[in-house]
Amino acid sequence: MAIDFRDENENLRRIFLSERLDVAGTDAVSTKFAALAAGSARRVLVDLTAVTFLASMGIRALVTNAKAQHLRGGRMVLFVGANAGVAKTLETTGIDALIPMFTDVAEAEKAALA
């Protein structure tokens, strides 16, 4: 599992997750993911386009960090792009109703900053 980030501006941080968000992958990035999501940016766009597998542990990490961001007065959105497998998992589990999910990056950025 790999994690990286880029601050798009002073209000928006884009966190890139790649590979498998299974038990091992989530454990490998969970501390860094929480720290990046809680950073100075109040809006977070999580890029899941390079995630090859999304398990319940990964979903829990997304939900936990989205809730924490909301409690701090921020917002988290998910960008899946053309990643149909991850999008289907998020839709099937209903996570897309809790955390806004987008296939278009411009729409995701706009929603994160709204």
PDB file of N, CA and C in Angstrom:
ATOM      1  N   MET A   1       0.852  -1.181   0.000  1.00  0.00           N
ATOM      2  CA  MET A   1       0.000   0.000   0.000  1.00  0.00           C
ATOM      3  C   MET A   1       0.884   1.226   0.000  1.00  0.00           C
ATOM      4  N   ALA A   2       0.522   2.189  -0.810  1.00  0.00           N
ATOM      5  CA  ALA A   2       1.277   3.432  -0.877  1.00  0.00           C
ATOM      6  C   ALA A   2       0.350   4.613  -0.600  1.00  0.00           C
ATOM      7  N   ILE A   3       0.925   5.656  -0.019  1.00  0.00           N
ATOM      8  CA  ILE A   3       0.181   6.877   0.274  1.00  0.00           C
ATOM      9  C   ILE A   3       1.070   8.069  -0.033  1.00  0.00           C
ATOM     10  N   ASP A   4       0.463   9.078  -0.611  1.00  0.00           N
ATOM     11  CA  ASP A   4       1.167  10.320  -0.917  1.00  0.00           C
ATOM     12  C   ASP A   4       0.140  11.439  -0.837  1.00  0.00           C
ATOM     13  N   PHE A   5       0.595  12.683  -0.922  1.00  0.00           N
ATOM     14  CA  PHE A   5      -0.343  13.802  -0.887  1.00  0.00           C
ATOM     15  C   PHE A   5       0.226  14.990  -1.654  1.00  0.00           C
ATOM     16  N   ARG A   6      -0.680  15.894  -1.969  1.00  0.00           N
ATOM     17  CA  ARG A   6      -0.299  17.160  -2.584  1.00  0.00           C
ATOM     18  C   ARG A   6      -1.292  18.208  -2.089  1.00  0.00           C
ATOM     19  N   ASP A   7      -0.775  19.323  -1.603  1.00  0.00           N
ATOM     20  CA  ASP A   7      -1.639  20.433  -1.231  1.00  0.00           C
ATOM     21  C   ASP A   7      -1.940  21.222  -2.491  1.00  0.00           C
ATOM     22  N   GLU A   8      -3.202  21.185  -2.915  1.00  0.00           N
ATOM     23  CA  GLU A   8      -3.626  21.881  -4.133  1.00  0.00           C
ATOM     24  C   GLU A   8      -3.634  23.390  -3.905  1.00  0.00           C
ATOM     25  N   ASN A   9      -4.024  23.796  -2.715  1.00  0.00           N
ATOM     26  CA  ASN A   9      -3.980  25.191  -2.279  1.00  0.00           C
ATOM     27  C   ASN A   9      -4.052  25.176  -0.759  1.00  0.00           C
ATOM     28  N   GLU A  10      -4.213  26.332  -0.136  1.00  0.00           N
ATOM     29  CA  GLU A  10      -4.200  26.387   1.325  1.00  0.00           C
ATOM     30  C   GLU A  10      -5.407  25.709   1.969  1.00  0.00           C
ATOM     31  N   ASN A  11      -6.452  25.438   1.175  1.00  0.00           N
ATOM     32  CA  ASN A  11      -7.668  24.837   1.724  1.00  0.00           C
ATOM     33  C   ASN A  11      -7.908  23.402   1.302  1.00  0.00           C
ATOM     34  N   LEU A  12      -7.173  22.908   0.309  1.00  0.00           N
ATOM     35  CA  LEU A  12      -7.468  21.580  -0.237  1.00  0.00           C
ATOM     36  C   LEU A  12      -6.216  20.715  -0.300  1.00  0.00           C
ATOM     37  N   ARG A  13      -6.310  19.566   0.354  1.00  0.00           N
ATOM     38  CA  ARG A  13      -5.242  18.561   0.304  1.00  0.00           C
ATOM     39  C   ARG A  13      -5.766  17.342  -0.463  1.00  0.00           C
ATOM     40  N   ARG A  14      -4.973  16.863  -1.387  1.00  0.00           N
ATOM     41  CA  ARG A  14      -5.309  15.661  -2.146  1.00  0.00           C
ATOM     42  C   ARG A  14      -4.418  14.529  -1.649  1.00  0.00           C
ATOM     43  N   ILE A  15      -5.058  13.471  -1.145  1.00  0.00           N
ATOM     44  CA  ILE A  15      -4.346  12.307  -0.634  1.00  0.00           C
ATOM     45  C   ILE A  15      -4.504  11.185  -1.650  1.00  0.00           C
ATOM     46  N   PHE A  16      -3.389  10.638  -2.077  1.00  0.00           N
ATOM     47  CA  PHE A  16      -3.367   9.561  -3.065  1.00  0.00           C
ATOM     48  C   PHE A  16      -3.138   8.232  -2.361  1.00  0.00           C
ATOM     49  N   LEU A  17      -4.071   7.306  -2.524  1.00  0.00           N
ATOM     50  CA  LEU A  17      -3.906   5.950  -2.011  1.00  0.00           C
ATOM     51  C   LEU A  17      -3.792   5.016  -3.210  1.00  0.00           C
ATOM     52  N   SER A  18      -2.924   4.015  -3.110  1.00  0.00           N
ATOM     53  CA  SER A  18      -2.784   3.073  -4.220  1.00  0.00           C
ATOM     54  C   SER A  18      -2.542   1.670  -3.698  1.00  0.00           C
ATOM     55  N   GLU A  19      -2.781   0.729  -4.567  1.00  0.00           N
ATOM     56  CA  GLU A  19      -2.631  -0.701  -4.305  1.00  0.00           C
ATOM     57  C   GLU A  19      -3.818  -1.224  -3.500  1.00  0.00           C
ATOM     58  N   ARG A  20      -3.591  -2.114  -2.543  1.00  0.00           N
ATOM     59  CA  ARG A  20      -4.660  -2.805  -1.831  1.00  0.00           C
ATOM     60  C   ARG A  20      -4.964  -2.162  -0.481  1.00  0.00           C
ATOM     61  N   LEU A  21      -6.214  -1.776  -0.293  1.00  0.00           N
ATOM     62  CA  LEU A  21      -6.670  -1.307   1.021  1.00  0.00           C
ATOM     63  C   LEU A  21      -7.348  -2.481   1.722  1.00  0.00           C
ATOM     64  N   ASP A  22      -6.573  -3.510   1.985  1.00  0.00           N
ATOM     65  CA  ASP A  22      -7.031  -4.654   2.755  1.00  0.00           C
ATOM     66  C   ASP A  22      -6.496  -4.497   4.176  1.00  0.00           C
ATOM     67  N   VAL A  23      -6.489  -5.550   4.970  1.00  0.00           N
ATOM     68  CA  VAL A  23      -6.030  -5.434   6.356  1.00  0.00           C
ATOM     69  C   VAL A  23      -4.578  -4.957   6.400  1.00  0.00           C
ATOM     70  N   ALA A  24      -3.701  -5.630   5.677  1.00  0.00           N
ATOM     71  CA  ALA A  24      -2.278  -5.264   5.704  1.00  0.00           C
ATOM     72  C   ALA A  24      -2.046  -3.875   5.128  1.00  0.00           C
ATOM     73  N   GLY A  25      -2.687  -3.571   4.011  1.00  0.00           N
ATOM     74  CA  GLY A  25      -2.505  -2.266   3.380  1.00  0.00           C
ATOM     75  C   GLY A  25      -3.015  -1.125   4.231  1.00  0.00           C
ATOM     76  N   THR A  26      -4.165  -1.324   4.831  1.00  0.00           N
ATOM     77  CA  THR A  26      -4.739  -0.286   5.689  1.00  0.00           C
ATOM     78  C   THR A  26      -3.872  -0.073   6.924  1.00  0.00           C
ATOM     79  N   ASP A  27      -3.399  -1.164   7.521  1.00  0.00           N
ATOM     80  CA  ASP A  27      -2.506  -1.041   8.668  1.00  0.00           C
ATOM     81  C   ASP A  27      -1.242  -0.269   8.309  1.00  0.00           C
ATOM     82  N   ALA A  28      -0.743  -0.484   7.095  1.00  0.00           N
ATOM     83  CA  ALA A  28       0.503   0.165   6.672  1.00  0.00           C
ATOM     84  C   ALA A  28       0.369   1.675   6.524  1.00  0.00           C
ATOM     85  N   VAL A  29      -0.835   2.164   6.207  1.00  0.00           N
ATOM     86  CA  VAL A  29      -0.990   3.598   5.933  1.00  0.00           C
ATOM     87  C   VAL A  29      -1.910   4.329   6.905  1.00  0.00           C
ATOM     88  N   SER A  30      -2.544   3.628   7.824  1.00  0.00           N
ATOM     89  CA  SER A  30      -3.594   4.251   8.632  1.00  0.00           C
ATOM     90  C   SER A  30      -3.111   5.452   9.447  1.00  0.00           C
ATOM     91  N   THR A  31      -1.957   5.368  10.065  1.00  0.00           N
ATOM     92  CA  THR A  31      -1.460   6.482  10.872  1.00  0.00           C
ATOM     93  C   THR A  31      -1.135   7.687  10.001  1.00  0.00           C
ATOM     94  N   LYS A  32      -0.460   7.455   8.891  1.00  0.00           N
ATOM     95  CA  LYS A  32      -0.110   8.554   7.998  1.00  0.00           C
ATOM     96  C   LYS A  32      -1.363   9.148   7.356  1.00  0.00           C
ATOM     97  N   PHE A  33      -2.321   8.291   6.987  1.00  0.00           N
ATOM     98  CA  PHE A  33      -3.566   8.765   6.402  1.00  0.00           C
ATOM     99  C   PHE A  33      -4.296   9.684   7.381  1.00  0.00           C
ATOM    100  N   ALA A  34      -4.400   9.272   8.636  1.00  0.00           N
ATOM    101  CA  ALA A  34      -5.075  10.098   9.647  1.00  0.00           C
ATOM    102  C   ALA A  34      -4.350  11.420   9.841  1.00  0.00           C
ATOM    103  N   ALA A  35      -3.020  11.381   9.867  1.00  0.00           N
ATOM    104  CA  ALA A  35      -2.245  12.621  10.040  1.00  0.00           C
ATOM    105  C   ALA A  35      -2.417  13.552   8.848  1.00  0.00           C
ATOM    106  N   LEU A  36      -2.403  13.011   7.642  1.00  0.00           N
ATOM    107  CA  LEU A  36      -2.569  13.847   6.450  1.00  0.00           C
ATOM    108  C   LEU A  36      -3.983  14.428   6.376  1.00  0.00           C
ATOM    109  N   ALA A  37      -4.968  13.623   6.719  1.00  0.00           N
ATOM    110  CA  ALA A  37      -6.351  14.103   6.685  1.00  0.00           C
ATOM    111  C   ALA A  37      -6.594  15.176   7.736  1.00  0.00           C
ATOM    112  N   ALA A  38      -5.857  15.103   8.839  1.00  0.00           N
ATOM    113  CA  ALA A  38      -6.032  16.077   9.919  1.00  0.00           C
ATOM    114  C   ALA A  38      -5.107  17.277   9.770  1.00  0.00           C
ATOM    115  N   GLY A  39      -4.351  17.333   8.689  1.00  0.00           N
ATOM    116  CA  GLY A  39      -3.396  18.419   8.485  1.00  0.00           C
ATOM    117  C   GLY A  39      -4.062  19.775   8.393  1.00  0.00           C
ATOM    118  N   SER A  40      -3.322  20.742   7.993  1.00  0.00           N
ATOM    119  CA  SER A  40      -3.788  22.126   7.997  1.00  0.00           C
ATOM    120  C   SER A  40      -4.939  22.385   7.029  1.00  0.00           C
ATOM    121  N   ALA A  41      -5.019  21.628   5.951  1.00  0.00           N
ATOM    122  CA  ALA A  41      -6.107  21.834   4.994  1.00  0.00           C
ATOM    123  C   ALA A  41      -7.427  21.379   5.617  1.00  0.00           C
ATOM    124  N   ARG A  42      -8.464  22.159   5.445  1.00  0.00           N
ATOM    125  CA  ARG A  42      -9.764  21.816   6.021  1.00  0.00           C
ATOM    126  C   ARG A  42     -10.610  20.995   5.065  1.00  0.00           C
ATOM    127  N   ARG A  43     -10.169  20.845   3.841  1.00  0.00           N
ATOM    128  CA  ARG A  43     -10.875  20.071   2.830  1.00  0.00           C
ATOM    129  C   ARG A  43      -9.926  19.011   2.299  1.00  0.00           C
ATOM    130  N   VAL A  44     -10.425  17.791   2.145  1.00  0.00           N
ATOM    131  CA  VAL A  44      -9.585  16.680   1.714  1.00  0.00           C
ATOM    132  C   VAL A  44     -10.265  15.938   0.572  1.00  0.00           C
ATOM    133  N   LEU A  45      -9.507  15.721  -0.483  1.00  0.00           N
ATOM    134  CA  LEU A  45      -9.940  14.895  -1.604  1.00  0.00           C
ATOM    135  C   LEU A  45      -9.082  13.635  -1.561  1.00  0.00           C
ATOM    136  N   VAL A  46      -9.715  12.483  -1.394  1.00  0.00           N
ATOM    137  CA  VAL A  46      -8.991  11.221  -1.350  1.00  0.00           C
ATOM    138  C   VAL A  46      -9.079  10.582  -2.728  1.00  0.00           C
ATOM    139  N   ASP A  47      -7.933  10.426  -3.368  1.00  0.00           N
ATOM    140  CA  ASP A  47      -7.839   9.870  -4.717  1.00  0.00           C
ATOM    141  C   ASP A  47      -7.671   8.363  -4.616  1.00  0.00           C
ATOM    142  N   LEU A  48      -8.698   7.630  -5.050  1.00  0.00           N
ATOM    143  CA  LEU A  48      -8.707   6.169  -4.985  1.00  0.00           C
ATOM    144  C   LEU A  48      -8.533   5.536  -6.364  1.00  0.00           C
ATOM    145  N   THR A  49      -8.102   6.308  -7.337  1.00  0.00           N
ATOM    146  CA  THR A  49      -8.017   5.799  -8.710  1.00  0.00           C
ATOM    147  C   THR A  49      -7.028   4.658  -8.862  1.00  0.00           C
ATOM    148  N   ALA A  50      -6.013   4.583  -8.012  1.00  0.00           N
ATOM    149  CA  ALA A  50      -4.992   3.538  -8.119  1.00  0.00           C
ATOM    150  C   ALA A  50      -5.167   2.429  -7.082  1.00  0.00           C
ATOM    151  N   VAL A  51      -6.299   2.415  -6.373  1.00  0.00           N
ATOM    152  CA  VAL A  51      -6.572   1.348  -5.410  1.00  0.00           C
ATOM    153  C   VAL A  51      -7.071   0.131  -6.184  1.00  0.00           C
ATOM    154  N   THR A  52      -6.421  -1.007  -5.969  1.00  0.00           N
ATOM    155  CA  THR A  52      -6.775  -2.221  -6.702  1.00  0.00           C
ATOM    156  C   THR A  52      -7.764  -3.100  -5.960  1.00  0.00           C
ATOM    157  N   PHE A  53      -7.894  -2.911  -4.655  1.00  0.00           N
ATOM    158  CA  PHE A  53      -8.819  -3.707  -3.843  1.00  0.00           C
ATOM    159  C   PHE A  53      -9.190  -2.901  -2.611  1.00  0.00           C
ATOM    160  N   LEU A  54     -10.484  -2.888  -2.288  1.00  0.00           N
ATOM    161  CA  LEU A  54     -10.977  -2.135  -1.138  1.00  0.00           C
ATOM    162  C   LEU A  54     -11.757  -3.077  -0.228  1.00  0.00           C
ATOM    163  N   ALA A  55     -11.178  -3.380   0.939  1.00  0.00           N
ATOM    164  CA  ALA A  55     -11.815  -4.265   1.917  1.00  0.00           C
ATOM    165  C   ALA A  55     -12.479  -3.447   3.012  1.00  0.00           C
ATOM    166  N   SER A  56     -13.145  -4.140   3.919  1.00  0.00           N
ATOM    167  CA  SER A  56     -13.872  -3.455   4.997  1.00  0.00           C
ATOM    168  C   SER A  56     -12.952  -2.612   5.879  1.00  0.00           C
ATOM    169  N   MET A  57     -11.724  -3.047   6.080  1.00  0.00           N
ATOM    170  CA  MET A  57     -10.770  -2.256   6.879  1.00  0.00           C
ATOM    171  C   MET A  57     -10.473  -0.923   6.204  1.00  0.00           C
ATOM    172  N   GLY A  58     -10.321  -0.933   4.894  1.00  0.00           N
ATOM    173  CA  GLY A  58     -10.080   0.293   4.151  1.00  0.00           C
ATOM    174  C   GLY A  58     -11.289   1.213   4.197  1.00  0.00           C
ATOM    175  N   ILE A  59     -12.461   0.626   4.073  1.00  0.00           N
ATOM    176  CA  ILE A  59     -13.696   1.408   4.155  1.00  0.00           C
ATOM    177  C   ILE A  59     -13.805   2.060   5.530  1.00  0.00           C
ATOM    178  N   ARG A  60     -13.483   1.300   6.570  1.00  0.00           N
ATOM    179  CA  ARG A  60     -13.535   1.849   7.927  1.00  0.00           C
ATOM    180  C   ARG A  60     -12.579   3.034   8.079  1.00  0.00           C
ATOM    181  N   ALA A  61     -11.388   2.924   7.508  1.00  0.00           N
ATOM    182  CA  ALA A  61     -10.424   4.034   7.576  1.00  0.00           C
ATOM    183  C   ALA A  61     -10.968   5.277   6.876  1.00  0.00           C
ATOM    184  N   LEU A  62     -11.614   5.092   5.728  1.00  0.00           N
ATOM    185  CA  LEU A  62     -12.199   6.222   5.006  1.00  0.00           C
ATOM    186  C   LEU A  62     -13.290   6.888   5.844  1.00  0.00           C
ATOM    187  N   VAL A  63     -14.192   6.088   6.388  1.00  0.00           N
ATOM    188  CA  VAL A  63     -15.309   6.622   7.171  1.00  0.00           C
ATOM    189  C   VAL A  63     -14.811   7.309   8.444  1.00  0.00           C
ATOM    190  N   THR A  64     -13.892   6.675   9.143  1.00  0.00           N
ATOM    191  CA  THR A  64     -13.349   7.251  10.375  1.00  0.00           C
ATOM    192  C   THR A  64     -12.710   8.605  10.123  1.00  0.00           C
ATOM    193  N   ASN A  65     -11.911   8.697   9.075  1.00  0.00           N
ATOM    194  CA  ASN A  65     -11.238   9.958   8.772  1.00  0.00           C
ATOM    195  C   ASN A  65     -12.198  11.005   8.236  1.00  0.00           C
ATOM    196  N   ALA A  66     -13.217  10.596   7.504  1.00  0.00           N
ATOM    197  CA  ALA A  66     -14.223  11.552   7.028  1.00  0.00           C
ATOM    198  C   ALA A  66     -15.005  12.133   8.200  1.00  0.00           C
ATOM    199  N   LYS A  67     -15.357  11.289   9.166  1.00  0.00           N
ATOM    200  CA  LYS A  67     -16.074  11.768  10.354  1.00  0.00           C
ATOM    201  C   LYS A  67     -15.204  12.724  11.165  1.00  0.00           C
ATOM    202  N   ALA A  68     -13.935  12.373  11.335  1.00  0.00           N
ATOM    203  CA  ALA A  68     -13.025  13.245  12.085  1.00  0.00           C
ATOM    204  C   ALA A  68     -12.866  14.589  11.385  1.00  0.00           C
ATOM    205  N   GLN A  69     -12.764  14.564  10.069  1.00  0.00           N
ATOM    206  CA  GLN A  69     -12.634  15.796   9.306  1.00  0.00           C
ATOM    207  C   GLN A  69     -13.894  16.651   9.485  1.00  0.00           C
ATOM    208  N   HIS A  70     -15.038  16.024   9.446  1.00  0.00           N
ATOM    209  CA  HIS A  70     -16.308  16.739   9.629  1.00  0.00           C
ATOM    210  C   HIS A  70     -16.384  17.377  11.021  1.00  0.00           C
ATOM    211  N   LEU A  71     -15.943  16.645  12.055  1.00  0.00           N
ATOM    212  CA  LEU A  71     -15.968  17.186  13.421  1.00  0.00           C
ATOM    213  C   LEU A  71     -15.044  18.388  13.579  1.00  0.00           C
ATOM    214  N   ARG A  72     -14.014  18.475  12.753  1.00  0.00           N
ATOM    215  CA  ARG A  72     -13.099  19.619  12.782  1.00  0.00           C
ATOM    216  C   ARG A  72     -13.604  20.761  11.899  1.00  0.00           C
ATOM    217  N   GLY A  73     -14.781  20.611  11.323  1.00  0.00           N
ATOM    218  CA  GLY A  73     -15.343  21.649  10.472  1.00  0.00           C
ATOM    219  C   GLY A  73     -14.896  21.549   9.030  1.00  0.00           C
ATOM    220  N   GLY A  74     -14.315  20.430   8.664  1.00  0.00           N
ATOM    221  CA  GLY A  74     -13.834  20.229   7.297  1.00  0.00           C
ATOM    222  C   GLY A  74     -14.743  19.313   6.501  1.00  0.00           C
ATOM    223  N   ARG A  75     -14.224  18.873   5.385  1.00  0.00           N
ATOM    224  CA  ARG A  75     -14.994  18.008   4.485  1.00  0.00           C
ATOM    225  C   ARG A  75     -14.028  17.076   3.770  1.00  0.00           C
ATOM    226  N   MET A  76     -14.491  15.850   3.536  1.00  0.00           N
ATOM    227  CA  MET A  76     -13.726  14.876   2.771  1.00  0.00           C
ATOM    228  C   MET A  76     -14.607  14.359   1.640  1.00  0.00           C
ATOM    229  N   VAL A  77     -14.022  14.250   0.457  1.00  0.00           N
ATOM    230  CA  VAL A  77     -14.701  13.643  -0.674  1.00  0.00           C
ATOM    231  C   VAL A  77     -13.783  12.582  -1.265  1.00  0.00           C
ATOM    232  N   LEU A  78     -14.388  11.661  -2.020  1.00  0.00           N
ATOM    233  CA  LEU A  78     -13.643  10.577  -2.647  1.00  0.00           C
ATOM    234  C   LEU A  78     -13.660  10.743  -4.156  1.00  0.00           C
ATOM    235  N   PHE A  79     -12.512  10.557  -4.777  1.00  0.00           N
ATOM    236  CA  PHE A  79     -12.393  10.590  -6.230  1.00  0.00           C
ATOM    237  C   PHE A  79     -12.003   9.194  -6.687  1.00  0.00           C
ATOM    238  N   VAL A  80     -12.882   8.547  -7.484  1.00  0.00           N
ATOM    239  CA  VAL A  80     -12.615   7.195  -7.962  1.00  0.00           C
ATOM    240  C   VAL A  80     -12.239   7.152  -9.434  1.00  0.00           C
ATOM    241  N   GLY A  81     -12.509   8.233 -10.166  1.00  0.00           N
ATOM    242  CA  GLY A  81     -12.192   8.247 -11.593  1.00  0.00           C
ATOM    243  C   GLY A  81     -12.865   7.087 -12.302  1.00  0.00           C
ATOM    244  N   ALA A  82     -12.094   6.349 -13.096  1.00  0.00           N
ATOM    245  CA  ALA A  82     -12.623   5.216 -13.862  1.00  0.00           C
ATOM    246  C   ALA A  82     -12.464   3.893 -13.105  1.00  0.00           C
ATOM    247  N   ASN A  83     -12.193   3.942 -11.809  1.00  0.00           N
ATOM    248  CA  ASN A  83     -11.980   2.746 -11.017  1.00  0.00           C
ATOM    249  C   ASN A  83     -13.341   2.131 -10.659  1.00  0.00           C
ATOM    250  N   ALA A  84     -13.885   1.353 -11.583  1.00  0.00           N
ATOM    251  CA  ALA A  84     -15.228   0.791 -11.424  1.00  0.00           C
ATOM    252  C   ALA A  84     -15.326  -0.169 -10.241  1.00  0.00           C
ATOM    253  N   GLY A  85     -14.281  -0.925  -9.965  1.00  0.00           N
ATOM    254  CA  GLY A  85     -14.317  -1.873  -8.851  1.00  0.00           C
ATOM    255  C   GLY A  85     -14.474  -1.187  -7.515  1.00  0.00           C
ATOM    256  N   VAL A  86     -13.695  -0.147  -7.288  1.00  0.00           N
ATOM    257  CA  VAL A  86     -13.786   0.598  -6.033  1.00  0.00           C
ATOM    258  C   VAL A  86     -15.116   1.340  -5.962  1.00  0.00           C
ATOM    259  N   ALA A  87     -15.544   1.934  -7.067  1.00  0.00           N
ATOM    260  CA  ALA A  87     -16.827   2.642  -7.080  1.00  0.00           C
ATOM    261  C   ALA A  87     -17.972   1.696  -6.730  1.00  0.00           C
ATOM    262  N   LYS A  88     -17.945   0.500  -7.294  1.00  0.00           N
ATOM    263  CA  LYS A  88     -19.011  -0.472  -7.020  1.00  0.00           C
ATOM    264  C   LYS A  88     -19.003  -0.883  -5.548  1.00  0.00           C
ATOM    265  N   THR A  89     -17.819  -1.096  -4.980  1.00  0.00           N
ATOM    266  CA  THR A  89     -17.723  -1.455  -3.565  1.00  0.00           C
ATOM    267  C   THR A  89     -18.302  -0.346  -2.691  1.00  0.00           C
ATOM    268  N   LEU A  90     -17.964   0.901  -2.992  1.00  0.00           N
ATOM    269  CA  LEU A  90     -18.470   2.033  -2.204  1.00  0.00           C
ATOM    270  C   LEU A  90     -19.982   2.175  -2.345  1.00  0.00           C
ATOM    271  N   GLU A  91     -20.491   1.965  -3.549  1.00  0.00           N
ATOM    272  CA  GLU A  91     -21.938   2.049  -3.773  1.00  0.00           C
ATOM    273  C   GLU A  91     -22.674   0.904  -3.093  1.00  0.00           C
ATOM    274  N   THR A  92     -22.151  -0.312  -3.217  1.00  0.00           N
ATOM    275  CA  THR A  92     -22.791  -1.495  -2.636  1.00  0.00           C
ATOM    276  C   THR A  92     -22.873  -1.397  -1.122  1.00  0.00           C
ATOM    277  N   THR A  93     -21.844  -0.854  -0.507  1.00  0.00           N
ATOM    278  CA  THR A  93     -21.823  -0.730   0.956  1.00  0.00           C
ATOM    279  C   THR A  93     -22.532   0.530   1.451  1.00  0.00           C
ATOM    280  N   GLY A  94     -22.908   1.410   0.547  1.00  0.00           N
ATOM    281  CA  GLY A  94     -23.605   2.639   0.927  1.00  0.00           C
ATOM    282  C   GLY A  94     -22.685   3.753   1.398  1.00  0.00           C
ATOM    283  N   ILE A  95     -21.388   3.565   1.277  1.00  0.00           N
ATOM    284  CA  ILE A  95     -20.437   4.576   1.729  1.00  0.00           C
ATOM    285  C   ILE A  95     -20.562   5.849   0.895  1.00  0.00           C
ATOM    286  N   ASP A  96     -20.924   5.702  -0.366  1.00  0.00           N
ATOM    287  CA  ASP A  96     -21.078   6.883  -1.223  1.00  0.00           C
ATOM    288  C   ASP A  96     -22.187   7.806  -0.735  1.00  0.00           C
ATOM    289  N   ALA A  97     -23.088   7.294   0.102  1.00  0.00           N
ATOM    290  CA  ALA A  97     -24.128   8.142   0.705  1.00  0.00           C
ATOM    291  C   ALA A  97     -23.586   8.901   1.917  1.00  0.00           C
ATOM    292  N   LEU A  98     -22.516   8.391   2.520  1.00  0.00           N
ATOM    293  CA  LEU A  98     -21.901   9.035   3.683  1.00  0.00           C
ATOM    294  C   LEU A  98     -20.782   9.993   3.297  1.00  0.00           C
ATOM    295  N   ILE A  99     -19.992   9.583   2.304  1.00  0.00           N
ATOM    296  CA  ILE A  99     -18.875  10.389   1.829  1.00  0.00           C
ATOM    297  C   ILE A  99     -19.098  10.614   0.340  1.00  0.00           C
ATOM    298  N   PRO A 100     -19.239  11.852  -0.100  1.00  0.00           N
ATOM    299  CA  PRO A 100     -19.485  12.097  -1.525  1.00  0.00           C
ATOM    300  C   PRO A 100     -18.395  11.473  -2.394  1.00  0.00           C
ATOM    301  N   MET A 101     -18.824  10.791  -3.460  1.00  0.00           N
ATOM    302  CA  MET A 101     -17.915  10.084  -4.356  1.00  0.00           C
ATOM    303  C   MET A 101     -18.081  10.634  -5.771  1.00  0.00           C
ATOM    304  N   PHE A 102     -16.954  10.815  -6.463  1.00  0.00           N
ATOM    305  CA  PHE A 102     -16.975  11.420  -7.790  1.00  0.00           C
ATOM    306  C   PHE A 102     -16.097  10.655  -8.768  1.00  0.00           C
ATOM    307  N   THR A 103     -16.519  10.663 -10.030  1.00  0.00           N
ATOM    308  CA  THR A 103     -15.706  10.093 -11.104  1.00  0.00           C
ATOM    309  C   THR A 103     -14.967  11.188 -11.866  1.00  0.00           C
ATOM    310  N   ASP A 104     -15.357  12.431 -11.667  1.00  0.00           N
ATOM    311  CA  ASP A 104     -14.737  13.581 -12.330  1.00  0.00           C
ATOM    312  C   ASP A 104     -13.966  14.385 -11.290  1.00  0.00           C
ATOM    313  N   VAL A 105     -12.679  14.602 -11.538  1.00  0.00           N
ATOM    314  CA  VAL A 105     -11.846  15.268 -10.534  1.00  0.00           C
ATOM    315  C   VAL A 105     -12.250  16.729 -10.316  1.00  0.00           C
ATOM    316  N   ALA A 106     -12.671  17.418 -11.372  1.00  0.00           N
ATOM    317  CA  ALA A 106     -13.093  18.804 -11.215  1.00  0.00           C
ATOM    318  C   ALA A 106     -14.334  18.902 -10.323  1.00  0.00           C
ATOM    319  N   GLU A 107     -15.262  17.975 -10.489  1.00  0.00           N
ATOM    320  CA  GLU A 107     -16.455  17.958  -9.646  1.00  0.00           C
ATOM    321  C   GLU A 107     -16.089  17.614  -8.201  1.00  0.00           C
ATOM    322  N   ALA A 108     -15.132  16.717  -8.028  1.00  0.00           N
ATOM    323  CA  ALA A 108     -14.699  16.340  -6.681  1.00  0.00           C
ATOM    324  C   ALA A 108     -14.061  17.532  -5.978  1.00  0.00           C
ATOM    325  N   GLU A 109     -13.198  18.251  -6.675  1.00  0.00           N
ATOM    326  CA  GLU A 109     -12.564  19.439  -6.088  1.00  0.00           C
ATOM    327  C   GLU A 109     -13.592  20.497  -5.731  1.00  0.00           C
ATOM    328  N   LYS A 110     -14.536  20.718  -6.637  1.00  0.00           N
ATOM    329  CA  LYS A 110     -15.590  21.716  -6.394  1.00  0.00           C
ATOM    330  C   LYS A 110     -16.418  21.345  -5.166  1.00  0.00           C
ATOM    331  N   ALA A 111     -16.772  20.059  -5.045  1.00  0.00           N
ATOM    332  CA  ALA A 111     -17.557  19.609  -3.896  1.00  0.00           C
ATOM    333  C   ALA A 111     -16.765  19.698  -2.596  1.00  0.00           C
ATOM    334  N   ALA A 112     -15.482  19.389  -2.663  1.00  0.00           N
ATOM    335  CA  ALA A 112     -14.645  19.466  -1.465  1.00  0.00           C
ATOM    336  C   ALA A 112     -14.553  20.890  -0.955  1.00  0.00           C
ATOM    337  N   LEU A 113     -14.501  21.842  -1.863  1.00  0.00           N
ATOM    338  CA  LEU A 113     -14.338  23.241  -1.474  1.00  0.00           C
ATOM    339  C   LEU A 113     -15.657  23.961  -1.220  1.00  0.00           C
ATOM    340  N   ALA A 114     -16.779  23.310  -1.493  1.00  0.00           N
ATOM    341  CA  ALA A 114     -18.094  23.950  -1.314  1.00  0.00           C
ATOM    342  C   ALA A 114     -18.397  24.217   0.133  1.00  0.00           C
TER     343      ALA A 114
END
